[in-house]
Amino acid sequence: ADSLAVVAFDLPGHGLSDGQRLDIDSFGQYTKALR
């Protein structure tokens, strides 16, 4: 409504994304997902 575009995504292991459920090989994998 304020004329901003929005991007939202499910982190690895969350929502509909693949990955070990609620787990990660290392925290940096979340950051790689954002990139």
All heavy atoms as atom14 arrays in JSON, in Angstrom:
{
  "sequence": "ADSLAVVAFDLPGHGLSDGQRLDIDSFGQYTKALR",
  "atom14_mask": [
    [1, 1, 1, 1, 1, 0, 0, 0, 0, 0, 0, 0, 0, 0],
    [1, 1, 1, 1, 1, 1, 1, 1, 0, 0, 0, 0, 0, 0],
    [1, 1, 1, 1, 1, 1, 0, 0, 0, 0, 0, 0, 0, 0],
    [1, 1, 1, 1, 1, 1, 1, 1, 0, 0, 0, 0, 0, 0],
    [1, 1, 1, 1, 1, 0, 0, 0, 0, 0, 0, 0, 0, 0],
    [1, 1, 1, 1, 1, 1, 1, 0, 0, 0, 0, 0, 0, 0],
    [1, 1, 1, 1, 1, 1, 1, 0, 0, 0, 0, 0, 0, 0],
    [1, 1, 1, 1, 1, 0, 0, 0, 0, 0, 0, 0, 0, 0],
    [1, 1, 1, 1, 1, 1, 1, 1, 1, 1, 1, 0, 0, 0],
    [1, 1, 1, 1, 1, 1, 1, 1, 0, 0, 0, 0, 0, 0],
    [1, 1, 1, 1, 1, 1, 1, 1, 0, 0, 0, 0, 0, 0],
    [1, 1, 1, 1, 1, 1, 1, 0, 0, 0, 0, 0, 0, 0],
    [1, 1, 1, 1, 0, 0, 0, 0, 0, 0, 0, 0, 0, 0],
    [1, 1, 1, 1, 1, 1, 1, 1, 1, 1, 0, 0, 0, 0],
    [1, 1, 1, 1, 0, 0, 0, 0, 0, 0, 0, 0, 0, 0],
    [1, 1, 1, 1, 1, 1, 1, 1, 0, 0, 0, 0, 0, 0],
    [1, 1, 1, 1, 1, 1, 0, 0, 0, 0, 0, 0, 0, 0],
    [1, 1, 1, 1, 1, 1, 1, 1, 0, 0, 0, 0, 0, 0],
    [1, 1, 1, 1, 0, 0, 0, 0, 0, 0, 0, 0, 0, 0],
    [1, 1, 1, 1, 1, 1, 1, 1, 1, 0, 0, 0, 0, 0],
    [1, 1, 1, 1, 1, 1, 1, 1, 1, 1, 1, 0, 0, 0],
    [1, 1, 1, 1, 1, 1, 1, 1, 0, 0, 0, 0, 0, 0],
    [1, 1, 1, 1, 1, 1, 1, 1, 0, 0, 0, 0, 0, 0],
    [1, 1, 1, 1, 1, 1, 1, 1, 0, 0, 0, 0, 0, 0],
    [1, 1, 1, 1, 1, 1, 1, 1, 0, 0, 0, 0, 0, 0],
    [1, 1, 1, 1, 1, 1, 0, 0, 0, 0, 0, 0, 0, 0],
    [1, 1, 1, 1, 1, 1, 1, 1, 1, 1, 1, 0, 0, 0],
    [1, 1, 1, 1, 0, 0, 0, 0, 0, 0, 0, 0, 0, 0],
    [1, 1, 1, 1, 1, 1, 1, 1, 1, 0, 0, 0, 0, 0],
    [1, 1, 1, 1, 1, 1, 1, 1, 1, 1, 1, 1, 0, 0],
    [1, 1, 1, 1, 1, 1, 1, 0, 0, 0, 0, 0, 0, 0],
    [1, 1, 1, 1, 1, 1, 1, 1, 1, 0, 0, 0, 0, 0],
    [1, 1, 1, 1, 1, 0, 0, 0, 0, 0, 0, 0, 0, 0],
    [1, 1, 1, 1, 1, 1, 1, 1, 0, 0, 0, 0, 0, 0],
    [1, 1, 1, 1, 1, 1, 1, 1, 1, 1, 1, 0, 0, 0]
  ],
  "atom14_positions": [
    [[0.83, -1.21, 0.0], [0.0, 0.0, 0.0], [0.86, 1.26, 0.0], [0.41, 2.32, -0.45], [-0.93, -0.01, 1.21], [0.0, 0.0, 0.0], [0.0, 0.0, 0.0], [0.0, 0.0, 0.0], [0.0, 0.0, 0.0], [0.0, 0.0, 0.0], [0.0, 0.0, 0.0], [0.0, 0.0, 0.0], [0.0, 0.0, 0.0], [0.0, 0.0, 0.0]],
    [[2.1, 1.14, 0.48], [3.04, 2.26, 0.49], [3.97, 2.24, -0.73], [5.03, 2.87, -0.72], [3.87, 2.25, 1.76], [3.08, 2.74, 2.96], [2.35, 3.74, 2.81], [3.19, 2.14, 4.04], [0.0, 0.0, 0.0], [0.0, 0.0, 0.0], [0.0, 0.0, 0.0], [0.0, 0.0, 0.0], [0.0, 0.0, 0.0], [0.0, 0.0, 0.0]],
    [[3.57, 1.5, -1.77], [4.3, 1.45, -3.05], [5.71, 0.89, -2.91], [6.65, 1.34, -3.57], [4.36, 2.85, -3.68], [3.06, 3.31, -3.98], [0.0, 0.0, 0.0], [0.0, 0.0, 0.0], [0.0, 0.0, 0.0], [0.0, 0.0, 0.0], [0.0, 0.0, 0.0], [0.0, 0.0, 0.0], [0.0, 0.0, 0.0], [0.0, 0.0, 0.0]],
    [[5.85, -0.11, -2.07], [7.12, -0.82, -1.95], [6.93, -2.24, -2.46], [5.93, -2.89, -2.18], [7.6, -0.85, -0.5], [8.12, 0.48, 0.06], [8.29, 0.39, 1.56], [9.45, 0.86, -0.61], [0.0, 0.0, 0.0], [0.0, 0.0, 0.0], [0.0, 0.0, 0.0], [0.0, 0.0, 0.0], [0.0, 0.0, 0.0], [0.0, 0.0, 0.0]],
    [[7.91, -2.73, -3.23], [7.93, -4.14, -3.61], [8.38, -4.96, -2.41], [9.05, -4.45, -1.51], [8.86, -4.35, -4.8], [0.0, 0.0, 0.0], [0.0, 0.0, 0.0], [0.0, 0.0, 0.0], [0.0, 0.0, 0.0], [0.0, 0.0, 0.0], [0.0, 0.0, 0.0], [0.0, 0.0, 0.0], [0.0, 0.0, 0.0], [0.0, 0.0, 0.0]],
    [[8.0, -6.24, -2.39], [8.32, -7.1, -1.25], [8.8, -8.45, -1.76], [8.25, -9.01, -2.71], [7.09, -7.3, -0.34], [7.44, -8.21, 0.84], [6.55, -5.97, 0.16], [0.0, 0.0, 0.0], [0.0, 0.0, 0.0], [0.0, 0.0, 0.0], [0.0, 0.0, 0.0], [0.0, 0.0, 0.0], [0.0, 0.0, 0.0], [0.0, 0.0, 0.0]],
    [[9.83, -8.99, -1.1], [10.31, -10.34, -1.35], [10.31, -11.09, -0.02], [10.84, -10.6, 0.97], [11.73, -10.34, -1.93], [12.26, -11.77, -2.06], [11.76, -9.65, -3.29], [0.0, 0.0, 0.0], [0.0, 0.0, 0.0], [0.0, 0.0, 0.0], [0.0, 0.0, 0.0], [0.0, 0.0, 0.0], [0.0, 0.0, 0.0], [0.0, 0.0, 0.0]],
    [[9.67, -12.25, 0.01], [9.66, -13.1, 1.2], [9.99, -14.53, 0.77], [9.62, -14.95, -0.33], [8.3, -13.06, 1.88], [0.0, 0.0, 0.0], [0.0, 0.0, 0.0], [0.0, 0.0, 0.0], [0.0, 0.0, 0.0], [0.0, 0.0, 0.0], [0.0, 0.0, 0.0], [0.0, 0.0, 0.0], [0.0, 0.0, 0.0], [0.0, 0.0, 0.0]],
    [[10.69, -15.26, 1.63], [11.07, -16.63, 1.28], [11.15, -17.47, 2.54], [11.25, -16.95, 3.66], [12.41, -16.64, 0.53], [13.61, -16.27, 1.37], [14.47, -17.25, 1.84], [13.87, -14.94, 1.68], [15.58, -16.91, 2.61], [14.98, -14.59, 2.44], [15.83, -15.57, 2.92], [0.0, 0.0, 0.0], [0.0, 0.0, 0.0], [0.0, 0.0, 0.0]],
    [[11.11, -18.8, 2.35], [11.24, -19.74, 3.45], [12.71, -20.16, 3.56], [13.29, -20.66, 2.59], [10.38, -20.98, 3.2], [8.89, -20.67, 3.18], [8.51, -19.54, 3.54], [8.11, -21.56, 2.78], [0.0, 0.0, 0.0], [0.0, 0.0, 0.0], [0.0, 0.0, 0.0], [0.0, 0.0, 0.0], [0.0, 0.0, 0.0], [0.0, 0.0, 0.0]],
    [[13.29, -19.97, 4.73], [14.66, -20.38, 4.96], [14.81, -21.9, 4.85], [13.82, -22.64, 4.96], [15.11, -19.92, 6.34], [15.39, -18.42, 6.5], [15.44, -18.04, 7.98], [16.68, -18.02, 5.8], [0.0, 0.0, 0.0], [0.0, 0.0, 0.0], [0.0, 0.0, 0.0], [0.0, 0.0, 0.0], [0.0, 0.0, 0.0], [0.0, 0.0, 0.0]],
    [[16.02, -22.4, 4.61], [16.21, -23.86, 4.55], [15.64, -24.55, 5.79], [15.81, -24.07, 6.91], [17.73, -24.01, 4.5], [18.21, -22.74, 3.87], [17.28, -21.67, 4.37], [0.0, 0.0, 0.0], [0.0, 0.0, 0.0], [0.0, 0.0, 0.0], [0.0, 0.0, 0.0], [0.0, 0.0, 0.0], [0.0, 0.0, 0.0], [0.0, 0.0, 0.0]],
    [[14.94, -25.66, 5.56], [14.37, -26.41, 6.67], [13.11, -25.81, 7.26], [12.61, -26.28, 8.29], [0.0, 0.0, 0.0], [0.0, 0.0, 0.0], [0.0, 0.0, 0.0], [0.0, 0.0, 0.0], [0.0, 0.0, 0.0], [0.0, 0.0, 0.0], [0.0, 0.0, 0.0], [0.0, 0.0, 0.0], [0.0, 0.0, 0.0], [0.0, 0.0, 0.0]],
    [[12.56, -24.79, 6.62], [11.37, -24.1, 7.11], [10.32, -24.03, 6.01], [10.64, -24.0, 4.82], [11.7, -22.69, 7.57], [12.53, -22.62, 8.8], [13.86, -22.95, 8.83], [12.2, -22.25, 10.08], [14.33, -22.79, 10.06], [13.35, -22.38, 10.83], [0.0, 0.0, 0.0], [0.0, 0.0, 0.0], [0.0, 0.0, 0.0], [0.0, 0.0, 0.0]],
    [[9.05, -23.93, 6.43], [7.97, -23.74, 5.46], [7.97, -24.79, 4.38], [8.01, -25.99, 4.64], [0.0, 0.0, 0.0], [0.0, 0.0, 0.0], [0.0, 0.0, 0.0], [0.0, 0.0, 0.0], [0.0, 0.0, 0.0], [0.0, 0.0, 0.0], [0.0, 0.0, 0.0], [0.0, 0.0, 0.0], [0.0, 0.0, 0.0], [0.0, 0.0, 0.0]],
    [[7.94, -24.33, 3.12], [7.92, -25.23, 1.97], [9.31, -25.45, 1.37], [9.43, -26.14, 0.36], [6.97, -24.7, 0.9], [5.5, -24.63, 1.28], [4.67, -24.13, 0.1], [4.98, -25.98, 1.74], [0.0, 0.0, 0.0], [0.0, 0.0, 0.0], [0.0, 0.0, 0.0], [0.0, 0.0, 0.0], [0.0, 0.0, 0.0], [0.0, 0.0, 0.0]],
    [[10.33, -24.87, 1.96], [11.69, -25.06, 1.42], [12.24, -26.41, 1.81], [11.86, -27.0, 2.82], [12.62, -23.95, 1.93], [12.3, -22.71, 1.35], [0.0, 0.0, 0.0], [0.0, 0.0, 0.0], [0.0, 0.0, 0.0], [0.0, 0.0, 0.0], [0.0, 0.0, 0.0], [0.0, 0.0, 0.0], [0.0, 0.0, 0.0], [0.0, 0.0, 0.0]],
    [[13.17, -26.9, 0.98], [13.88, -28.13, 1.29], [14.82, -27.93, 2.47], [15.02, -26.82, 2.95], [14.73, -28.56, 0.08], [13.91, -29.2, -1.02], [12.76, -29.59, -0.77], [14.43, -29.3, -2.15], [0.0, 0.0, 0.0], [0.0, 0.0, 0.0], [0.0, 0.0, 0.0], [0.0, 0.0, 0.0], [0.0, 0.0, 0.0], [0.0, 0.0, 0.0]],
    [[15.47, -29.03, 2.87], [16.49, -28.98, 3.89], [16.12, -29.79, 5.11], [14.99, -30.28, 5.25], [0.0, 0.0, 0.0], [0.0, 0.0, 0.0], [0.0, 0.0, 0.0], [0.0, 0.0, 0.0], [0.0, 0.0, 0.0], [0.0, 0.0, 0.0], [0.0, 0.0, 0.0], [0.0, 0.0, 0.0], [0.0, 0.0, 0.0], [0.0, 0.0, 0.0]],
    [[17.09, -29.96, 6.01], [16.84, -30.66, 7.26], [15.82, -29.85, 8.07], [16.02, -28.68, 8.32], [18.12, -30.79, 8.06], [19.28, -31.42, 7.31], [20.56, -31.31, 8.1], [20.72, -31.93, 9.15], [21.5, -30.5, 7.62], [0.0, 0.0, 0.0], [0.0, 0.0, 0.0], [0.0, 0.0, 0.0], [0.0, 0.0, 0.0], [0.0, 0.0, 0.0]],
    [[14.75, -30.5, 8.46], [13.68, -29.78, 9.14], [14.19, -29.09, 10.4], [14.68, -29.74, 11.32], [12.53, -30.74, 9.47], [11.33, -30.07, 10.15], [10.68, -29.07, 9.25], [9.52, -28.41, 9.89], [8.96, -27.31, 9.45], [9.41, -26.72, 8.37], [7.92, -26.8, 10.07], [0.0, 0.0, 0.0], [0.0, 0.0, 0.0], [0.0, 0.0, 0.0]],
    [[14.12, -27.75, 10.41], [14.49, -26.91, 11.54], [15.95, -27.08, 11.96], [16.31, -26.8, 13.1], [13.56, -27.17, 12.73], [12.08, -26.9, 12.48], [11.25, -27.26, 13.71], [11.84, -25.45, 12.1], [0.0, 0.0, 0.0], [0.0, 0.0, 0.0], [0.0, 0.0, 0.0], [0.0, 0.0, 0.0], [0.0, 0.0, 0.0], [0.0, 0.0, 0.0]],
    [[16.78, -27.53, 11.03], [18.19, -27.71, 11.33], [19.02, -27.21, 10.15], [18.47, -26.91, 9.09], [18.5, -29.17, 11.62], [19.73, -29.36, 12.5], [20.42, -28.35, 12.79], [20.0, -30.5, 12.9], [0.0, 0.0, 0.0], [0.0, 0.0, 0.0], [0.0, 0.0, 0.0], [0.0, 0.0, 0.0], [0.0, 0.0, 0.0], [0.0, 0.0, 0.0]],
    [[20.31, -27.13, 10.34], [21.19, -26.55, 9.33], [22.59, -27.11, 9.52], [22.97, -27.48, 10.63], [21.21, -25.01, 9.46], [21.58, -24.34, 8.13], [22.08, -24.56, 10.59], [20.46, -24.37, 7.12], [0.0, 0.0, 0.0], [0.0, 0.0, 0.0], [0.0, 0.0, 0.0], [0.0, 0.0, 0.0], [0.0, 0.0, 0.0], [0.0, 0.0, 0.0]],
    [[23.35, -27.24, 8.42], [24.73, -27.72, 8.54], [25.58, -26.71, 9.31], [26.41, -27.07, 10.13], [25.33, -27.96, 7.16], [24.69, -29.14, 6.45], [24.11, -30.0, 7.14], [24.77, -29.21, 5.21], [0.0, 0.0, 0.0], [0.0, 0.0, 0.0], [0.0, 0.0, 0.0], [0.0, 0.0, 0.0], [0.0, 0.0, 0.0], [0.0, 0.0, 0.0]],
    [[25.37, -25.44, 9.0], [26.02, -24.34, 9.72], [25.15, -23.12, 9.56], [24.39, -23.01, 8.59], [27.43, -24.07, 9.18], [27.36, -23.53, 7.88], [0.0, 0.0, 0.0], [0.0, 0.0, 0.0], [0.0, 0.0, 0.0], [0.0, 0.0, 0.0], [0.0, 0.0, 0.0], [0.0, 0.0, 0.0], [0.0, 0.0, 0.0], [0.0, 0.0, 0.0]],
    [[25.25, -22.17, 10.48], [24.4, -20.99, 10.42], [24.61, -20.23, 9.12], [23.67, -19.62, 8.58], [24.71, -20.07, 11.62], [23.68, -19.0, 11.82], [22.58, -19.22, 12.62], [23.81, -17.76, 11.2], [21.62, -18.23, 12.81], [22.87, -16.76, 11.38], [21.76, -17.0, 12.18], [0.0, 0.0, 0.0], [0.0, 0.0, 0.0], [0.0, 0.0, 0.0]],
    [[25.82, -20.27, 8.6], [26.12, -19.56, 7.36], [25.29, -20.01, 6.18], [25.17, -19.29, 5.19], [0.0, 0.0, 0.0], [0.0, 0.0, 0.0], [0.0, 0.0, 0.0], [0.0, 0.0, 0.0], [0.0, 0.0, 0.0], [0.0, 0.0, 0.0], [0.0, 0.0, 0.0], [0.0, 0.0, 0.0], [0.0, 0.0, 0.0], [0.0, 0.0, 0.0]],
    [[24.69, -21.2, 6.27], [23.85, -21.66, 5.16], [22.58, -20.82, 5.04], [22.07, -20.63, 3.93], [23.49, -23.14, 5.37], [23.08, -23.85, 4.09], [23.07, -25.35, 4.23], [23.08, -25.89, 5.33], [23.06, -26.05, 3.11], [0.0, 0.0, 0.0], [0.0, 0.0, 0.0], [0.0, 0.0, 0.0], [0.0, 0.0, 0.0], [0.0, 0.0, 0.0]],
    [[22.1, -20.29, 6.14], [20.97, -19.36, 6.07], [21.36, -18.1, 5.28], [20.59, -17.59, 4.47], [20.53, -18.94, 7.47], [19.89, -20.02, 8.31], [20.28, -20.2, 9.64], [18.89, -20.84, 7.8], [19.69, -21.17, 10.43], [18.3, -21.82, 8.58], [18.69, -21.98, 9.9], [18.11, -22.94, 10.69], [0.0, 0.0, 0.0], [0.0, 0.0, 0.0]],
    [[22.56, -17.63, 5.54], [23.04, -16.43, 4.85], [23.24, -16.7, 3.37], [22.92, -15.85, 2.52], [24.35, -15.94, 5.49], [24.18, -15.9, 6.91], [24.73, -14.56, 4.97], [0.0, 0.0, 0.0], [0.0, 0.0, 0.0], [0.0, 0.0, 0.0], [0.0, 0.0, 0.0], [0.0, 0.0, 0.0], [0.0, 0.0, 0.0], [0.0, 0.0, 0.0]],
    [[23.74, -17.88, 3.04], [23.88, -18.25, 1.63], [22.52, -18.3, 0.96], [22.39, -17.95, -0.23], [24.6, -19.6, 1.52], [26.06, -19.56, 1.89], [26.69, -20.93, 1.89], [26.82, -21.51, 0.5], [27.53, -22.82, 0.5], [0.0, 0.0, 0.0], [0.0, 0.0, 0.0], [0.0, 0.0, 0.0], [0.0, 0.0, 0.0], [0.0, 0.0, 0.0]],
    [[21.5, -18.71, 1.7], [20.14, -18.73, 1.15], [19.69, -17.32, 0.81], [19.11, -17.08, -0.26], [19.18, -19.39, 2.13], [0.0, 0.0, 0.0], [0.0, 0.0, 0.0], [0.0, 0.0, 0.0], [0.0, 0.0, 0.0], [0.0, 0.0, 0.0], [0.0, 0.0, 0.0], [0.0, 0.0, 0.0], [0.0, 0.0, 0.0], [0.0, 0.0, 0.0]],
    [[19.95, -16.37, 1.69], [19.58, -14.98, 1.42], [20.3, -14.48, 0.17], [19.7, -13.8, -0.67], [19.9, -14.1, 2.62], [19.68, -12.58, 2.43], [18.25, -12.28, 2.02], [20.04, -11.83, 3.72], [0.0, 0.0, 0.0], [0.0, 0.0, 0.0], [0.0, 0.0, 0.0], [0.0, 0.0, 0.0], [0.0, 0.0, 0.0], [0.0, 0.0, 0.0]],
    [[21.56, -14.81, 0.03], [22.3, -14.37, -1.15], [21.73, -15.0, -2.42], [21.7, -14.37, -3.48], [23.78, -14.7, -1.0], [24.45, -13.97, 0.15], [25.95, -13.96, 0.06], [26.41, -13.07, -1.01], [27.58, -12.44, -0.99], [28.4, -12.58, 0.04], [27.94, -11.66, -1.99], [0.0, 0.0, 0.0], [0.0, 0.0, 0.0], [0.0, 0.0, 0.0]]
  ]
}
